[in-house]
Amino acid sequence: MAEKVSCGDIVVMQKKHPCGSDKWQVLRTGADIKLKCLGCGHIVMLDYAAFIKRMKKVLIDEQ
């Protein structure tokens, strides 16, 4: 079962970003997830299903 994520969480993705980092900060949740790379600051949006498939684990859970 996928973990619940919220804005501000730090997640680890399965593949590394070209900058070398695999850690991302969740900026926005909903039907789409907005992520910011913690290595270079690049921002991407993924649909929720793709995000859940590619996410490995939640490192920091801000609640």
C-alpha atoms as a PDB file:
ATOM      1  CA  MET A   1       0.000   0.000   0.000  1.00  0.00           C
ATOM      2  CA  ALA A   2       1.278   3.465  -0.878  1.00  0.00           C
ATOM      3  CA  GLU A   3       2.165   5.886   1.871  1.00  0.00           C
ATOM      4  CA  LYS A   4       0.169   9.076   2.280  1.00  0.00           C
ATOM      5  CA  VAL A   5       2.142  12.159   1.266  1.00  0.00           C
ATOM      6  CA  SER A   6       1.446  15.816   1.992  1.00  0.00           C
ATOM      7  CA  CYS A   7       3.000  19.168   1.133  1.00  0.00           C
ATOM      8  CA  GLY A   8       6.465  19.607   2.611  1.00  0.00           C
ATOM      9  CA  ASP A   9       7.319  15.885   2.717  1.00  0.00           C
ATOM     10  CA  ILE A  10      10.700  14.726   1.410  1.00  0.00           C
ATOM     11  CA  VAL A  11      10.437  11.591  -0.751  1.00  0.00           C
ATOM     12  CA  VAL A  12      12.969   9.281  -2.395  1.00  0.00           C
ATOM     13  CA  MET A  13      12.234   8.288  -5.984  1.00  0.00           C
ATOM     14  CA  GLN A  14      13.357   5.041  -7.642  1.00  0.00           C
ATOM     15  CA  LYS A  15      15.492   6.689 -10.340  1.00  0.00           C
ATOM     16  CA  LYS A  16      17.978   9.483  -9.771  1.00  0.00           C
ATOM     17  CA  HIS A  17      17.507  12.877 -11.406  1.00  0.00           C
ATOM     18  CA  PRO A  18      20.229  13.734 -13.985  1.00  0.00           C
ATOM     19  CA  CYS A  19      21.797  16.048 -11.359  1.00  0.00           C
ATOM     20  CA  GLY A  20      22.465  12.957  -9.200  1.00  0.00           C
ATOM     21  CA  SER A  21      19.881  13.490  -6.445  1.00  0.00           C
ATOM     22  CA  ASP A  22      17.023  11.072  -5.733  1.00  0.00           C
ATOM     23  CA  LYS A  23      15.408  13.237  -3.023  1.00  0.00           C
ATOM     24  CA  TRP A  24      12.418  15.448  -3.833  1.00  0.00           C
ATOM     25  CA  GLN A  25      10.235  17.815  -1.805  1.00  0.00           C
ATOM     26  CA  VAL A  26       6.466  17.661  -2.339  1.00  0.00           C
ATOM     27  CA  LEU A  27       5.203  21.164  -3.133  1.00  0.00           C
ATOM     28  CA  ARG A  28       1.598  20.382  -4.097  1.00  0.00           C
ATOM     29  CA  THR A  29      -0.724  17.380  -3.853  1.00  0.00           C
ATOM     30  CA  GLY A  30      -3.985  16.488  -5.522  1.00  0.00           C
ATOM     31  CA  ALA A  31      -4.702  14.878  -8.888  1.00  0.00           C
ATOM     32  CA  ASP A  32      -1.150  15.925  -9.815  1.00  0.00           C
ATOM     33  CA  ILE A  33       1.898  16.021  -7.539  1.00  0.00           C
ATOM     34  CA  LYS A  34       4.362  18.919  -7.840  1.00  0.00           C
ATOM     35  CA  LEU A  35       7.917  17.997  -6.854  1.00  0.00           C
ATOM     36  CA  LYS A  36      11.113  20.011  -6.401  1.00  0.00           C
ATOM     37  CA  CYS A  37      14.501  18.314  -6.786  1.00  0.00           C
ATOM     38  CA  LEU A  38      16.622  18.921  -3.688  1.00  0.00           C
ATOM     39  CA  GLY A  39      19.810  18.650  -5.744  1.00  0.00           C
ATOM     40  CA  CYS A  40      19.268  21.310  -8.409  1.00  0.00           C
ATOM     41  CA  GLY A  41      15.872  22.879  -7.664  1.00  0.00           C
ATOM     42  CA  HIS A  42      14.171  21.606 -10.839  1.00  0.00           C
ATOM     43  CA  ILE A  43      10.365  21.443 -10.509  1.00  0.00           C
ATOM     44  CA  VAL A  44       8.271  18.723 -12.158  1.00  0.00           C
ATOM     45  CA  MET A  45       4.638  17.646 -12.037  1.00  0.00           C
ATOM     46  CA  LEU A  46       3.540  14.012 -12.136  1.00  0.00           C
ATOM     47  CA  ASP A  47       0.051  12.585 -12.125  1.00  0.00           C
ATOM     48  CA  TYR A  48      -0.733  10.798  -8.866  1.00  0.00           C
ATOM     49  CA  ALA A  49      -0.607   7.262 -10.314  1.00  0.00           C
ATOM     50  CA  ALA A  50       2.843   7.820 -11.879  1.00  0.00           C
ATOM     51  CA  PHE A  51       4.123   9.381  -8.655  1.00  0.00           C
ATOM     52  CA  ILE A  52       2.994   6.432  -6.514  1.00  0.00           C
ATOM     53  CA  LYS A  53       4.570   4.000  -8.984  1.00  0.00           C
ATOM     54  CA  ARG A  54       7.927   5.843  -9.000  1.00  0.00           C
ATOM     55  CA  MET A  55       8.164   6.739  -5.297  1.00  0.00           C
ATOM     56  CA  LYS A  56      10.390   4.514  -3.147  1.00  0.00           C
ATOM     57  CA  LYS A  57       9.747   5.912   0.350  1.00  0.00           C
ATOM     58  CA  VAL A  58       8.922   8.990   2.426  1.00  0.00           C
ATOM     59  CA  LEU A  59      11.958  10.259   4.359  1.00  0.00           C
ATOM     60  CA  ILE A  60      10.569  13.261   6.251  1.00  0.00           C
ATOM     61  CA  ASP A  61       6.887  13.475   7.074  1.00  0.00           C
ATOM     62  CA  GLU A  62       5.910  17.075   7.940  1.00  0.00           C
ATOM     63  CA  GLN A  63       2.669  17.107   9.928  1.00  0.00           C
END
